[in-house]
């Protein structure tokens, strides 16, 4: 990595931390703010959460093309300003219409940030450094969300709308501060590993013609549906209804998930980056299958309440271990499957898949987790095993360099330049 790439990467990581810190201030308290503090009711609060997902699904298909044509930095700056305006408006809104419009702006801005920042990481990293770069991003995101949520929890007062206005103002300030930080980034050219398909016109038809990318998107949907889509909906409902988990224990479980990621992220990185990506993902499926089995014991076993609580917290911790293994694996793989110059579109497509899974996951898992306890656990245990099967199938579609870029020597193709041999670390 050159000095210029390193300087740009440091600013990108600062940006990831700031955006996550800002989101941590408001995300845990959004429902309470709309439903109770503003007195708009549970239906409007539910619509606000739905608007976040719908806004993301609308803008992401266009975001990819914009990143390809304009570059990730201009798109990121527009997204940040949009999100800042949405956050500040949400803190001042008092009617259902203004709350929904503000949520749409905030949701759209947040959604576009993800592929723009991911593409900037691709542009500022090489095949040898990309896994560590994305692992650092994931680490800082979780740390920022955790610290932001902790501080925000001490600032909010459900009897005072002004305290929530302050939270949203801080979130908007974080986005605007990030505009200042990122506006000074000088983006270098991105090295590309050999084995990616030749660049095309950037159409969605061309992307759908990439068999490996399509399989990765299917796998990604199942991953996000079976894990992230259940955290605060189906799995939480299952814990409360089937396992008798208290709200404080549920908070402890979420904290255990974040703590596991923070502690394990760099501990597992060296193990992960030396192995085939497809097999790492397959291993995550097995770990999550164990997590669901432990969740089954928590809700369906005959142990004490203390044992059930400990098992439930362990479930979230096991999910965190799997997440730590995925962060240096999935995003670099998306980048290595993209044709030269089209990383933005591929990142946006994968972000779209994630948003779809996060929209469908709670809708399916919530009712099941609350009422059909045994079928819920069995279904998602099978989904986790399905992750292992899909990952192994994906491995057959990948080139050796895409699946395991580390061993031996690989050839790195500079964007717009000639190929240069680069030795991978032993």
Protein backbone atom coordinates (compact mmCIF):
# COMPACT_ATOMS: atom_id res chain seq x y z
CA UNK A 1 0.00 0.00 0.00
CA UNK A 2 1.38 3.41 -0.99
CA UNK A 3 1.57 6.37 1.38
CA UNK A 4 -1.31 8.06 -0.45
CA UNK A 5 -3.48 4.95 -0.20
CA UNK A 6 -2.69 4.65 3.50
CA UNK A 7 -3.63 8.27 4.20
CA UNK A 8 -6.90 7.90 2.31
CA UNK A 9 -7.69 4.64 4.10
CA UNK A 10 -7.20 6.25 7.51
CA UNK A 11 -9.70 8.97 6.64
CA UNK A 12 -12.15 6.37 5.37
CA UNK A 13 -11.90 4.46 8.64
CA UNK A 14 -12.45 7.68 10.59
CA UNK A 15 -15.50 8.24 8.42
CA UNK A 16 -16.88 4.79 9.15
CA UNK A 17 -16.42 5.32 12.88
CA UNK A 18 -18.08 8.75 12.84
CA UNK A 19 -21.09 7.58 10.82
CA UNK A 20 -21.60 4.55 13.07
CA UNK A 21 -21.21 6.72 16.18
CA UNK A 22 -23.91 9.06 14.88
CA UNK A 23 -26.27 6.21 14.05
CA UNK A 24 -25.73 4.67 17.46
CA UNK A 25 -27.17 7.80 19.04
CA UNK A 26 -30.59 7.40 17.45
CA UNK A 27 -31.27 3.92 16.06
CA UNK A 28 -32.05 2.20 19.40
CA UNK A 29 -34.49 4.95 20.39
CA UNK A 30 -36.26 5.66 17.10
CA UNK A 31 -39.37 3.62 17.86
CA UNK A 32 -39.82 5.17 21.32
CA UNK A 33 -39.25 8.66 19.92
CA UNK A 34 -41.94 8.41 17.22
CA UNK A 35 -44.50 6.33 19.10
CA UNK A 36 -44.29 7.84 22.57
CA UNK A 37 -42.32 11.09 22.67
CA UNK A 38 -44.01 12.57 19.60
CA UNK A 39 -47.23 10.71 20.42
CA UNK A 40 -47.72 9.42 16.87
CA UNK A 41 -48.47 5.83 17.88
CA UNK A 42 -47.10 2.39 17.14
CA UNK A 43 -48.42 2.30 13.57
CA UNK A 44 -46.52 5.43 12.54
CA UNK A 45 -43.41 4.19 14.32
CA UNK A 46 -43.64 0.93 12.40
CA UNK A 47 -44.08 2.84 9.15
CA UNK A 48 -40.95 4.87 9.90
CA UNK A 49 -38.92 1.67 10.22
CA UNK A 50 -40.47 0.40 6.98
CA UNK A 51 -39.66 3.69 5.21
CA UNK A 52 -35.97 3.19 6.02
CA UNK A 53 -36.01 -0.13 4.18
CA UNK A 54 -38.13 1.12 1.26
CA UNK A 55 -35.94 4.20 0.74
CA UNK A 56 -32.85 1.99 0.62
CA UNK A 57 -34.43 -0.35 -1.91
CA UNK A 58 -35.36 2.59 -4.14
CA UNK A 59 -32.02 4.40 -4.17
CA UNK A 60 -29.51 1.55 -4.20
CA UNK A 61 -30.05 0.47 -7.84
CA UNK A 62 -29.26 4.04 -8.93
CA UNK A 63 -26.42 4.48 -6.45
CA UNK A 64 -24.32 1.80 -8.12
CA UNK A 65 -24.45 3.46 -11.53
CA UNK A 66 -23.75 6.86 -9.98
CA UNK A 67 -20.65 5.49 -8.21
CA UNK A 68 -19.42 3.96 -11.48
CA UNK A 69 -19.96 7.18 -13.45
CA UNK A 70 -19.07 9.86 -10.89
CA UNK A 71 -16.81 7.99 -8.46
CA UNK A 72 -17.57 6.97 -4.87
CA UNK A 73 -16.48 10.22 -3.18
CA UNK A 74 -18.99 12.64 -4.80
CA UNK A 75 -21.79 10.12 -4.24
CA UNK A 76 -20.77 9.73 -0.59
CA UNK A 77 -20.78 13.50 -0.01
CA UNK A 78 -24.29 13.83 -1.46
CA UNK A 79 -25.46 10.91 0.70
CA UNK A 80 -23.97 12.47 3.83
CA UNK A 81 -25.65 15.83 3.26
CA UNK A 82 -28.96 14.06 2.57
CA UNK A 83 -28.64 11.97 5.73
CA UNK A 84 -27.72 15.05 7.80
CA UNK A 85 -30.79 16.91 6.53
CA UNK A 86 -32.96 13.86 7.26
CA UNK A 87 -31.57 13.43 10.79
CA UNK A 88 -32.04 17.09 11.73
CA UNK A 89 -35.54 17.13 10.21
CA UNK A 90 -36.45 13.99 12.12
CA UNK A 91 -35.44 15.63 15.38
CA UNK A 92 -37.69 18.62 14.65
CA UNK A 93 -40.63 16.78 13.03
CA UNK A 94 -43.87 16.56 14.99
CA UNK A 95 -46.41 15.21 12.49
CA UNK A 96 -46.66 11.84 10.79
CA UNK A 97 -46.01 13.28 7.32
CA UNK A 98 -42.88 15.22 8.32
CA UNK A 99 -41.54 12.27 10.32
CA UNK A 100 -41.97 9.90 7.36
CA UNK A 101 -40.37 12.36 4.89
CA UNK A 102 -37.42 12.91 7.22
CA UNK A 103 -37.01 9.16 7.73
CA UNK A 104 -37.00 8.65 3.95
CA UNK A 105 -34.16 11.17 3.54
CA UNK A 106 -32.17 9.67 6.40
CA UNK A 107 -32.75 6.11 5.18
CA UNK A 108 -31.74 6.94 1.61
CA UNK A 109 -28.57 8.70 2.74
CA UNK A 110 -27.57 5.88 5.07
CA UNK A 111 -28.15 3.26 2.38
CA UNK A 112 -25.94 4.98 -0.20
CA UNK A 113 -23.12 5.51 2.32
CA UNK A 114 -22.49 1.76 2.57
CA UNK A 115 -21.56 0.96 -1.05
CA UNK A 116 -19.79 4.31 -1.49
CA UNK A 117 -17.52 3.71 1.52
CA UNK A 118 -17.00 0.08 0.52
CA UNK A 119 -15.93 1.15 -2.98
CA UNK A 120 -13.51 3.68 -1.50
CA UNK A 121 -11.98 0.89 0.59
CA UNK A 122 -11.58 -1.19 -2.58
CA UNK A 123 -9.93 1.73 -4.36
CA UNK A 124 -7.48 2.28 -1.48
CA UNK A 125 -6.49 -1.35 -0.91
CA UNK A 126 -4.76 -4.20 -2.66
CA UNK A 127 -5.68 -7.88 -2.71
CA UNK A 128 -3.27 -8.44 0.18
CA UNK A 129 -4.61 -5.62 2.39
CA UNK A 130 -8.33 -5.69 1.53
CA UNK A 131 -9.41 -8.30 4.09
CA UNK A 132 -7.76 -6.39 6.93
CA UNK A 133 -9.26 -3.11 5.68
CA UNK A 134 -12.81 -4.48 5.73
CA UNK A 135 -12.22 -6.15 9.08
CA UNK A 136 -11.13 -2.78 10.48
CA UNK A 137 -14.22 -1.15 9.00
CA UNK A 138 -16.52 -3.69 10.66
CA UNK A 139 -14.69 -3.36 13.97
CA UNK A 140 -15.01 0.44 13.96
CA UNK A 141 -18.66 0.30 12.92
CA UNK A 142 -19.57 -1.93 15.84
CA UNK A 143 -17.45 0.08 18.24
CA UNK A 144 -19.03 3.31 17.03
CA UNK A 145 -22.56 1.95 17.28
CA UNK A 146 -21.91 0.63 20.78
CA UNK A 147 -20.33 3.82 22.11
CA UNK A 148 -22.94 5.99 20.42
CA UNK A 149 -25.80 3.93 21.83
CA UNK A 150 -24.27 4.00 25.30
CA UNK A 151 -23.83 7.77 25.33
CA UNK A 152 -27.21 8.35 23.69
CA UNK A 153 -28.91 6.27 26.35
CA UNK A 154 -27.63 8.66 29.02
CA UNK A 155 -28.82 11.72 27.11
CA UNK A 156 -32.39 10.72 26.26
CA UNK A 157 -35.35 11.54 28.42
CA UNK A 158 -38.70 10.17 27.25
CA UNK A 159 -40.47 13.06 28.96
CA UNK A 160 -38.52 15.63 26.92
CA UNK A 161 -38.73 15.93 23.14
CA UNK A 162 -35.81 18.37 23.30
CA UNK A 163 -33.47 15.60 24.46
CA UNK A 164 -34.27 13.61 21.32
CA UNK A 165 -33.88 16.72 19.17
CA UNK A 166 -30.38 16.99 20.66
CA UNK A 167 -29.64 13.37 19.73
CA UNK A 168 -30.69 13.85 16.11
CA UNK A 169 -28.76 17.13 15.94
CA UNK A 170 -25.62 15.30 17.13
CA UNK A 171 -26.21 12.64 14.47
CA UNK A 172 -26.56 15.34 11.78
CA UNK A 173 -23.38 17.00 13.07
CA UNK A 174 -21.50 13.69 12.76
CA UNK A 175 -22.56 13.39 9.12
CA UNK A 176 -21.51 16.98 8.37
CA UNK A 177 -18.20 16.48 10.16
CA UNK A 178 -17.70 13.44 7.98
CA UNK A 179 -18.33 15.62 4.90
CA UNK A 180 -15.42 17.83 6.00
CA UNK A 181 -13.16 14.83 6.66
CA UNK A 182 -13.95 13.03 3.39
CA UNK A 183 -13.87 16.15 1.17
CA UNK A 184 -10.09 16.24 1.61
CA UNK A 185 -9.51 12.60 0.61
CA UNK A 186 -7.44 12.08 -2.51
CA UNK A 187 -8.55 8.83 -4.07
CA UNK A 188 -5.78 6.73 -5.65
CA UNK A 189 -6.28 4.19 -8.40
CA UNK A 190 -7.31 0.74 -7.23
CA UNK A 191 -5.25 -2.39 -7.88
CA UNK A 192 -7.29 -5.27 -9.27
CA UNK A 193 -6.59 -8.97 -8.97
CA UNK A 194 -6.50 -10.97 -12.14
CA UNK A 195 -9.45 -13.31 -12.65
CA UNK A 196 -12.28 -10.78 -12.56
CA UNK A 197 -14.37 -10.70 -15.76
CA UNK A 198 -13.67 -8.05 -18.36
CA UNK A 199 -15.33 -4.69 -17.90
CA UNK A 200 -18.68 -4.29 -19.59
CA UNK A 201 -21.22 -1.52 -19.89
CA UNK A 202 -22.12 -1.75 -16.24
CA UNK A 203 -25.70 -2.86 -16.87
CA UNK A 204 -27.65 -4.99 -14.41
CA UNK A 205 -28.01 -7.57 -17.18
CA UNK A 206 -24.24 -7.95 -17.31
CA UNK A 207 -24.09 -8.32 -13.53
CA UNK A 208 -26.78 -11.01 -13.60
CA UNK A 209 -24.72 -12.83 -16.19
CA UNK A 210 -21.91 -13.27 -13.67
CA UNK A 211 -22.78 -16.68 -12.21
CA UNK A 212 -20.44 -16.37 -9.25
CA UNK A 213 -21.87 -12.95 -8.30
CA UNK A 214 -25.44 -14.22 -8.58
CA UNK A 215 -24.61 -17.17 -6.33
CA UNK A 216 -22.90 -14.83 -3.87
CA UNK A 217 -26.01 -12.62 -3.79
CA UNK A 218 -28.24 -15.64 -3.06
CA UNK A 219 -25.83 -16.72 -0.34
CA UNK A 220 -25.74 -13.16 1.03
CA UNK A 221 -29.52 -13.02 1.22
CA UNK A 222 -29.64 -16.21 3.26
CA UNK A 223 -26.81 -14.97 5.51
CA UNK A 224 -28.49 -11.66 6.31
CA UNK A 225 -31.96 -13.21 6.54
CA UNK A 226 -30.86 -15.90 9.01
CA UNK A 227 -28.74 -13.62 11.20
CA UNK A 228 -29.13 -9.85 11.06
CA UNK A 229 -32.79 -10.08 10.08
CA UNK A 230 -33.55 -11.93 13.32
CA UNK A 231 -31.54 -10.04 15.96
CA UNK A 232 -34.11 -7.48 17.03
CA UNK A 233 -37.24 -9.23 15.76
CA UNK A 234 -37.69 -13.00 15.65
CA UNK A 235 -34.83 -14.03 17.92
CA UNK A 236 -35.67 -11.33 20.47
CA UNK A 237 -39.35 -12.33 20.44
CA UNK A 238 -38.39 -16.00 20.78
CA UNK A 239 -36.13 -15.22 23.74
CA UNK A 240 -38.83 -13.29 25.58
CA UNK A 241 -41.75 -15.62 24.81
CA UNK A 242 -40.11 -19.06 24.78
CA UNK A 243 -37.10 -18.65 27.04
CA UNK A 244 -38.53 -16.05 29.44
CA UNK A 245 -35.61 -13.70 28.83
CA UNK A 246 -35.93 -10.33 30.55
CA UNK A 247 -35.41 -7.08 28.65
CA UNK A 248 -32.20 -6.46 30.60
CA UNK A 249 -30.89 -9.91 29.63
CA UNK A 250 -31.81 -9.18 26.01
CA UNK A 251 -29.71 -6.03 26.21
CA UNK A 252 -26.88 -8.09 27.68
CA UNK A 253 -27.16 -10.54 24.78
CA UNK A 254 -26.87 -7.71 22.24
CA UNK A 255 -23.87 -6.36 24.17
CA UNK A 256 -22.29 -9.85 24.12
CA UNK A 257 -22.66 -9.88 20.34
CA UNK A 258 -20.87 -6.56 19.99
CA UNK A 259 -18.21 -7.52 22.53
CA UNK A 260 -17.48 -10.77 20.70
CA UNK A 261 -16.98 -8.86 17.45
CA UNK A 262 -14.70 -6.28 19.07
CA UNK A 263 -12.62 -8.93 20.85
CA UNK A 264 -12.51 -11.58 18.13
CA UNK A 265 -12.25 -9.50 14.96
CA UNK A 266 -8.48 -9.30 14.65
CA UNK A 267 -7.91 -12.58 16.48
CA UNK A 268 -9.69 -14.49 13.72
CA UNK A 269 -8.42 -12.32 10.86
CA UNK A 270 -5.13 -14.14 10.35
CA UNK A 271 -6.93 -17.49 10.47
CA UNK A 272 -9.55 -16.33 7.95
CA UNK A 273 -7.37 -14.60 5.39
CA UNK A 274 -5.14 -17.66 4.95
CA UNK A 275 -8.03 -19.94 4.00
CA UNK A 276 -10.43 -20.31 1.11
CA UNK A 277 -13.17 -17.74 1.40
CA UNK A 278 -15.88 -20.21 0.43
CA UNK A 279 -14.84 -22.57 3.23
CA UNK A 280 -14.73 -19.73 5.76
CA UNK A 281 -18.32 -18.85 4.89
CA UNK A 282 -19.25 -22.54 5.07
CA UNK A 283 -17.72 -22.63 8.57
CA UNK A 284 -19.83 -19.63 9.57
CA UNK A 285 -22.94 -21.59 8.57
CA UNK A 286 -21.92 -24.41 10.91
CA UNK A 287 -21.20 -21.98 13.78
CA UNK A 288 -24.61 -20.37 13.33
CA UNK A 289 -26.27 -23.79 13.24
CA UNK A 290 -24.73 -24.42 16.66
CA UNK A 291 -25.99 -20.99 17.76
CA UNK A 292 -29.55 -21.90 16.79
CA UNK A 293 -29.23 -25.24 18.57
CA UNK A 294 -28.15 -23.37 21.71
CA UNK A 295 -31.11 -21.03 21.26
CA UNK A 296 -33.32 -24.10 21.04
CA UNK A 297 -31.98 -25.30 24.38
CA UNK A 298 -32.65 -21.87 25.90
CA UNK A 299 -36.30 -21.86 24.88
CA UNK A 300 -37.22 -25.51 24.66
CA UNK A 301 -34.96 -27.17 27.25
CA UNK A 302 -35.83 -28.06 30.82
CA UNK A 303 -32.97 -26.25 32.55
CA UNK A 304 -33.17 -23.40 35.01
CA UNK A 305 -33.90 -19.83 34.04
CA UNK A 306 -30.28 -18.96 34.69
CA UNK A 307 -29.15 -21.66 32.25
CA UNK A 308 -31.66 -20.48 29.66
CA UNK A 309 -30.43 -16.91 29.98
CA UNK A 310 -26.79 -17.98 29.70
CA UNK A 311 -27.59 -20.08 26.62
CA UNK A 312 -29.47 -17.20 25.01
CA UNK A 313 -26.58 -14.80 25.58
CA UNK A 314 -24.22 -17.43 24.16
CA UNK A 315 -26.36 -17.57 21.02
CA UNK A 316 -25.73 -13.89 20.33
CA UNK A 317 -22.03 -14.32 21.09
CA UNK A 318 -21.76 -17.18 18.58
CA UNK A 319 -23.45 -15.03 15.97
CA UNK A 320 -20.84 -12.36 16.69
CA UNK A 321 -18.03 -14.86 16.09
CA UNK A 322 -19.52 -15.70 12.69
CA UNK A 323 -19.87 -12.02 11.86
CA UNK A 324 -16.20 -11.44 12.69
CA UNK A 325 -15.28 -14.19 10.22
CA UNK A 326 -17.53 -12.78 7.49
CA UNK A 327 -16.37 -9.14 7.61
CA UNK A 328 -12.92 -9.80 6.03
CA UNK A 329 -14.43 -12.34 3.62
CA UNK A 330 -17.68 -11.19 1.97
CA UNK A 331 -16.86 -7.59 1.01
CA UNK A 332 -13.40 -8.39 -0.47
CA UNK A 333 -14.98 -11.22 -2.46
CA UNK A 334 -17.58 -8.85 -3.93
CA UNK A 335 -14.76 -6.51 -4.91
CA UNK A 336 -12.73 -9.29 -6.53
CA UNK A 337 -15.72 -10.50 -8.55
CA UNK A 338 -16.38 -7.02 -9.98
CA UNK A 339 -14.98 -6.06 -13.39
CA UNK A 340 -12.47 -3.21 -13.33
CA UNK A 341 -14.24 0.06 -12.65
CA UNK A 342 -17.54 -1.54 -11.59
CA UNK A 343 -16.88 -2.18 -7.90
CA UNK A 344 -19.43 0.50 -7.02
CA UNK A 345 -22.21 -1.24 -8.88
CA UNK A 346 -21.37 -4.64 -7.42
CA UNK A 347 -21.19 -3.17 -3.90
CA UNK A 348 -24.57 -1.51 -4.43
CA UNK A 349 -26.09 -4.75 -5.71
CA UNK A 350 -24.87 -6.62 -2.65
CA UNK A 351 -26.13 -3.82 -0.37
CA UNK A 352 -29.52 -4.13 -2.10
CA UNK A 353 -29.58 -7.85 -1.35
CA UNK A 354 -28.77 -7.09 2.29
CA UNK A 355 -31.60 -4.57 2.53
CA UNK A 356 -34.06 -7.06 1.03
CA UNK A 357 -33.04 -9.66 3.60
CA UNK A 358 -33.31 -7.14 6.44
CA UNK A 359 -36.81 -6.20 5.25
CA UNK A 360 -38.06 -9.77 4.82
CA UNK A 361 -36.28 -11.26 7.85
CA UNK A 362 -38.25 -9.47 10.60
CA UNK A 363 -41.55 -9.89 8.74
CA UNK A 364 -41.07 -13.68 8.62
CA UNK A 365 -39.14 -14.27 11.82
CA UNK A 366 -41.08 -11.97 14.14
CA UNK A 367 -44.41 -13.84 14.14
CA UNK A 368 -42.70 -17.25 14.09
CA UNK A 369 -40.36 -16.44 16.95
CA UNK A 370 -43.20 -15.13 19.09
CA UNK A 371 -45.60 -18.06 18.63
CA UNK A 372 -44.19 -21.11 16.79
CA UNK A 373 -41.09 -21.65 18.87
CA UNK A 374 -39.88 -25.10 17.77
CA UNK A 375 -40.55 -24.56 14.03
CA UNK A 376 -38.79 -21.20 14.25
CA UNK A 377 -35.57 -22.68 15.67
CA UNK A 378 -35.61 -25.68 13.31
CA UNK A 379 -36.22 -23.50 10.25
CA UNK A 380 -33.30 -21.17 10.94
CA UNK A 381 -31.01 -24.02 11.97
CA UNK A 382 -31.70 -25.49 8.50
CA UNK A 383 -31.09 -22.09 6.92
CA UNK A 384 -27.69 -22.01 8.62
CA UNK A 385 -26.81 -25.43 7.25
CA UNK A 386 -28.01 -24.14 3.88
CA UNK A 387 -25.37 -21.40 4.16
CA UNK A 388 -22.70 -24.09 4.35
CA UNK A 389 -24.05 -25.86 1.26
CA UNK A 390 -24.38 -22.64 -0.76
CA UNK A 391 -20.88 -21.53 0.22
CA UNK A 392 -19.32 -24.79 -0.94
CA UNK A 393 -21.22 -24.54 -4.23
CA UNK A 394 -20.01 -20.97 -4.67
CA UNK A 395 -16.44 -22.17 -4.20
CA UNK A 396 -16.74 -24.22 -7.39
CA UNK A 397 -17.58 -21.05 -9.36
CA UNK A 398 -14.63 -19.02 -8.10
CA UNK A 399 -11.16 -18.91 -9.58
CA UNK A 400 -8.31 -19.94 -7.31
CA UNK A 401 -7.26 -16.30 -6.87
CA UNK A 402 -10.80 -15.14 -6.05
CA UNK A 403 -11.32 -17.87 -3.48
CA UNK A 404 -7.87 -17.65 -1.90
CA UNK A 405 -5.84 -14.61 -2.98
CA UNK A 406 -3.02 -15.14 -0.48
CA UNK A 407 -0.93 -18.23 -1.33
CA UNK A 408 1.86 -18.23 -3.85
CA UNK A 409 2.07 -15.31 -6.25
CA UNK A 410 -0.87 -13.53 -7.76
CA UNK A 411 -0.98 -10.94 -10.46
CA UNK A 412 -2.44 -7.57 -9.64
CA UNK A 413 -3.78 -5.50 -12.47
CA UNK A 414 -3.72 -1.79 -11.91
CA UNK A 415 -6.89 -0.13 -13.10
CA UNK A 416 -6.22 1.22 -16.53
CA UNK A 417 -2.62 -0.08 -16.49
CA UNK A 418 -0.52 -3.13 -17.21
CA UNK A 419 -0.27 -6.21 -15.05
CA UNK A 420 2.44 -6.32 -12.41
CA UNK A 421 3.45 -9.40 -10.39
CA UNK A 422 2.99 -9.01 -6.66
CA UNK A 423 4.12 -11.62 -4.15
CA UNK A 424 1.57 -12.54 -1.52
CA UNK A 425 2.75 -12.82 2.07
CA UNK A 426 3.58 -16.33 3.18
